[in-house]
C-alpha atoms as a PDB file:
ATOM      1  CA  MET A   1     116.468 198.498 232.728  1.00  0.00           C
ATOM      2  CA  ASN A   2     118.099 200.229 235.646  1.00  0.00           C
ATOM      3  CA  ASN A   3     116.131 203.246 236.920  1.00  0.00           C
ATOM      4  CA  LYS A   4     118.896 204.495 239.188  1.00  0.00           C
ATOM      5  CA  LEU A   5     121.112 207.338 238.063  1.00  0.00           C
ATOM      6  CA  THR A   6     124.798 206.934 238.565  1.00  0.00           C
ATOM      7  CA  ASP A   7     126.976 209.681 239.969  1.00  0.00           C
ATOM      8  CA  LYS A   8     128.524 210.036 236.505  1.00  0.00           C
ATOM      9  CA  ASP A   9     125.065 210.536 234.926  1.00  0.00           C
ATOM     10  CA  LYS A  10     124.220 213.186 237.526  1.00  0.00           C
ATOM     11  CA  LYS A  11     127.539 214.945 236.924  1.00  0.00           C
ATOM     12  CA  ASP A  12     127.055 214.853 233.138  1.00  0.00           C
ATOM     13  CA  TRP A  13     123.562 216.282 233.562  1.00  0.00           C
ATOM     14  CA  GLN A  14     124.799 219.086 235.836  1.00  0.00           C
ATOM     15  CA  ASN A  15     127.550 219.932 233.334  1.00  0.00           C
ATOM     16  CA  PHE A  16     125.017 220.007 230.532  1.00  0.00           C
ATOM     17  CA  ILE A  17     122.586 222.262 232.409  1.00  0.00           C
ATOM     18  CA  SER A  18     125.273 224.698 233.501  1.00  0.00           C
ATOM     19  CA  GLY A  19     126.888 224.805 230.062  1.00  0.00           C
ATOM     20  CA  LYS A  20     126.394 227.753 227.740  1.00  0.00           C
ATOM     21  CA  GLU A  21     126.310 225.596 224.639  1.00  0.00           C
ATOM     22  CA  LYS A  22     122.962 225.684 222.893  1.00  0.00           C
ATOM     23  CA  ILE A  23     121.527 222.692 221.103  1.00  0.00           C
ATOM     24  CA  SER A  24     120.366 223.582 217.619  1.00  0.00           C
ATOM     25  CA  ASN A  25     116.927 222.620 216.427  1.00  0.00           C
ATOM     26  CA  LYS A  26     117.791 220.155 213.651  1.00  0.00           C
ATOM     27  CA  ASP A  27     114.269 220.219 212.224  1.00  0.00           C
ATOM     28  CA  LEU A  28     114.353 223.984 211.906  1.00  0.00           C
ATOM     29  CA  ASN A  29     117.735 223.907 210.165  1.00  0.00           C
ATOM     30  CA  ILE A  30     116.587 221.261 207.670  1.00  0.00           C
ATOM     31  CA  ASN A  31     113.446 223.240 206.810  1.00  0.00           C
ATOM     32  CA  GLN A  32     115.431 226.437 206.342  1.00  0.00           C
ATOM     33  CA  ILE A  33     117.835 224.683 203.992  1.00  0.00           C
ATOM     34  CA  LYS A  34     115.011 223.200 201.931  1.00  0.00           C
ATOM     35  CA  ILE A  35     113.241 226.546 201.671  1.00  0.00           C
ATOM     36  CA  SER A  36     116.365 228.478 200.773  1.00  0.00           C
ATOM     37  CA  LYS A  37     117.268 226.052 197.975  1.00  0.00           C
ATOM     38  CA  LYS A  38     113.877 226.440 196.271  1.00  0.00           C
ATOM     39  CA  ILE A  39     114.194 229.726 194.447  1.00  0.00           C
ATOM     40  CA  SER A  40     111.522 230.487 191.854  1.00  0.00           C
ATOM     41  CA  LYS A  41     110.978 233.380 189.497  1.00  0.00           C
ATOM     42  CA  LYS A  42     108.046 234.206 187.257  1.00  0.00           C
ATOM     43  CA  ILE A  43     107.832 235.960 183.898  1.00  0.00           C
ATOM     44  CA  ASP A  44     104.633 236.936 182.084  1.00  0.00           C
ATOM     45  CA  LEU A  45     104.893 237.200 178.296  1.00  0.00           C
ATOM     46  CA  HIS A  46     101.316 238.335 177.615  1.00  0.00           C
ATOM     47  CA  GLY A  47     101.284 240.985 174.900  1.00  0.00           C
ATOM     48  CA  PHE A  48     104.842 240.305 173.673  1.00  0.00           C
ATOM     49  CA  SER A  49     105.549 239.796 169.992  1.00  0.00           C
ATOM     50  CA  LEU A  50     107.142 236.436 169.195  1.00  0.00           C
ATOM     51  CA  GLU A  51     110.541 238.004 168.499  1.00  0.00           C
ATOM     52  CA  ASN A  52     110.445 240.115 171.666  1.00  0.00           C
ATOM     53  CA  ALA A  53     109.220 237.175 173.775  1.00  0.00           C
ATOM     54  CA  ASN A  54     112.068 234.956 172.540  1.00  0.00           C
ATOM     55  CA  LYS A  55     114.726 237.577 173.271  1.00  0.00           C
ATOM     56  CA  THR A  56     113.204 238.356 176.670  1.00  0.00           C
ATOM     57  CA  ILE A  57     112.950 234.714 177.743  1.00  0.00           C
ATOM     58  CA  GLU A  58     116.530 233.986 176.655  1.00  0.00           C
ATOM     59  CA  ASP A  59     117.871 236.896 178.712  1.00  0.00           C
ATOM     60  CA  PHE A  60     115.622 235.973 181.667  1.00  0.00           C
ATOM     61  CA  ILE A  61     116.784 232.336 181.707  1.00  0.00           C
ATOM     62  CA  LEU A  62     120.469 233.255 181.562  1.00  0.00           C
ATOM     63  CA  LYS A  63     120.087 235.885 184.297  1.00  0.00           C
ATOM     64  CA  SER A  64     118.060 233.520 186.505  1.00  0.00           C
ATOM     65  CA  PHE A  65     120.604 230.731 186.054  1.00  0.00           C
ATOM     66  CA  ASN A  66     123.409 233.071 187.143  1.00  0.00           C
ATOM     67  CA  GLU A  67     121.364 234.066 190.213  1.00  0.00           C
ATOM     68  CA  GLY A  68     120.921 230.416 191.277  1.00  0.00           C
ATOM     69  CA  VAL A  69     117.209 230.213 190.513  1.00  0.00           C
ATOM     70  CA  ASN A  70     115.875 226.619 190.452  1.00  0.00           C
ATOM     71  CA  ARG A  71     112.522 227.117 188.746  1.00  0.00           C
ATOM     72  CA  ILE A  72     111.041 229.645 186.367  1.00  0.00           C
ATOM     73  CA  ILE A  73     107.319 229.947 185.764  1.00  0.00           C
ATOM     74  CA  VAL A  74     106.806 231.202 182.208  1.00  0.00           C
ATOM     75  CA  ILE A  75     103.324 232.564 181.528  1.00  0.00           C
ATOM     76  CA  THR A  76     102.529 232.721 177.829  1.00  0.00           C
ATOM     77  CA  GLY A  77      98.758 232.668 177.911  1.00  0.00           C
ATOM     78  CA  LYS A  78      96.682 230.275 175.845  1.00  0.00           C
ATOM     79  CA  GLY A  79      96.498 232.470 172.760  1.00  0.00           C
ATOM     80  CA  LEU A  80      92.734 232.587 172.800  1.00  0.00           C
ATOM     81  CA  ARG A  81      92.576 236.349 172.215  1.00  0.00           C
ATOM     82  CA  SER A  82      95.284 236.453 169.570  1.00  0.00           C
ATOM     83  CA  LYS A  83      94.501 238.836 166.694  1.00  0.00           C
ATOM     84  CA  ASN A  84      95.968 236.464 164.114  1.00  0.00           C
ATOM     85  CA  ILE A  85      92.764 234.361 164.122  1.00  0.00           C
ATOM     86  CA  SER A  86      91.166 236.866 161.730  1.00  0.00           C
ATOM     87  CA  ASN A  87      93.982 236.374 159.185  1.00  0.00           C
ATOM     88  CA  PRO A  88      93.493 233.067 157.302  1.00  0.00           C
ATOM     89  CA  TYR A  89      97.106 233.116 156.036  1.00  0.00           C
ATOM     90  CA  ILE A  90      98.604 232.846 159.507  1.00  0.00           C
ATOM     91  CA  SER A  91      98.470 229.598 161.442  1.00  0.00           C
ATOM     92  CA  LYS A  92      96.962 230.291 164.844  1.00  0.00           C
ATOM     93  CA  ASP A  93      98.858 227.345 166.373  1.00  0.00           C
ATOM     94  CA  LEU A  94     102.321 228.251 165.148  1.00  0.00           C
ATOM     95  CA  SER A  95     102.336 231.905 166.133  1.00  0.00           C
ATOM     96  CA  ILE A  96     101.001 231.487 169.659  1.00  0.00           C
ATOM     97  CA  LEU A  97     103.640 232.043 172.336  1.00  0.00           C
ATOM     98  CA  ARG A  98     102.361 228.995 174.175  1.00  0.00           C
ATOM     99  CA  TYR A  99     103.871 226.732 171.504  1.00  0.00           C
ATOM    100  CA  SER A 100     106.576 228.938 170.014  1.00  0.00           C
ATOM    101  CA  VAL A 101     108.471 229.954 173.166  1.00  0.00           C
ATOM    102  CA  PRO A 102     109.166 226.370 174.356  1.00  0.00           C
ATOM    103  CA  GLU A 103     110.276 225.445 170.825  1.00  0.00           C
ATOM    104  CA  PHE A 104     112.584 228.453 170.736  1.00  0.00           C
ATOM    105  CA  ILE A 105     114.106 227.431 174.074  1.00  0.00           C
ATOM    106  CA  LYS A 106     114.621 223.844 172.885  1.00  0.00           C
ATOM    107  CA  SER A 107     116.334 225.092 169.724  1.00  0.00           C
ATOM    108  CA  LYS A 108     118.943 227.132 171.643  1.00  0.00           C
ATOM    109  CA  GLU A 109     121.789 224.875 172.765  1.00  0.00           C
ATOM    110  CA  ASN A 110     123.294 227.482 175.115  1.00  0.00           C
ATOM    111  CA  ILE A 111     119.979 227.727 176.970  1.00  0.00           C
ATOM    112  CA  MET A 112     119.226 223.986 177.032  1.00  0.00           C
ATOM    113  CA  LYS A 113     122.582 223.336 178.744  1.00  0.00           C
ATOM    114  CA  LYS A 114     121.186 225.216 181.743  1.00  0.00           C
ATOM    115  CA  ILE A 115     117.767 223.481 181.853  1.00  0.00           C
ATOM    116  CA  LYS A 116     116.968 220.178 183.564  1.00  0.00           C
ATOM    117  CA  LYS A 117     113.353 219.887 182.531  1.00  0.00           C
ATOM    118  CA  ILE A 118     110.458 221.720 180.882  1.00  0.00           C
ATOM    119  CA  GLU A 119     106.919 220.828 181.916  1.00  0.00           C
ATOM    120  CA  GLU A 120     103.402 222.220 181.851  1.00  0.00           C
ATOM    121  CA  ALA A 121     102.507 224.334 184.870  1.00  0.00           C
ATOM    122  CA  SER A 122      99.970 223.306 187.462  1.00  0.00           C
ATOM    123  CA  LEU A 123      96.552 224.917 187.313  1.00  0.00           C
ATOM    124  CA  GLU A 124      97.405 227.307 190.176  1.00  0.00           C
ATOM    125  CA  ASP A 125     100.389 228.662 188.178  1.00  0.00           C
ATOM    126  CA  GLY A 126      98.578 229.041 184.857  1.00  0.00           C
ATOM    127  CA  GLY A 127      97.878 225.510 183.626  1.00  0.00           C
ATOM    128  CA  GLU A 128      97.920 225.279 179.835  1.00  0.00           C
ATOM    129  CA  GLY A 129      98.854 228.956 179.567  1.00  0.00           C
ATOM    130  CA  ALA A 130     102.158 228.500 181.410  1.00  0.00           C
ATOM    131  CA  PHE A 131     105.056 226.120 181.823  1.00  0.00           C
ATOM    132  CA  TYR A 132     107.909 225.467 184.223  1.00  0.00           C
ATOM    133  CA  LEU A 133     111.602 225.576 183.459  1.00  0.00           C
ATOM    134  CA  TYR A 134     113.707 223.705 186.006  1.00  0.00           C
ATOM    135  CA  LEU A 135     117.268 224.993 185.916  1.00  0.00           C
ATOM    136  CA  LYS A 136     120.410 223.052 186.709  1.00  0.00           C
ATOM    137  CA  ASN A 137     122.454 224.018 189.772  1.00  0.00           C
END
């Protein structure tokens, strides 16, 4: 390797130093793009009736999709404090939002066209009492 600088190299360096053009930080730009593309919203359905929860989640998904949201965290709770446990004629599993809301979403074709994936939430976002909806772009 040649350690000597040529006159051309020196001239190029002088032009670069005296130039007003700024070099962008590529790492910063990449991180900003990644952050800006990850848009999440959260909805908590605790205390909603099944009918009201289904209507609310449908409206929320459609609105979020139109806003460019990528992920929705849906908090339904685990149903452990549900008052239907005292009524033996009502199935505690079928009326809990935790099970019913995802089934409602899956049954609506207009909503499912906007969803990439549905999966259980991580513990920090609610675990078994919540789930993620990943929306299409």
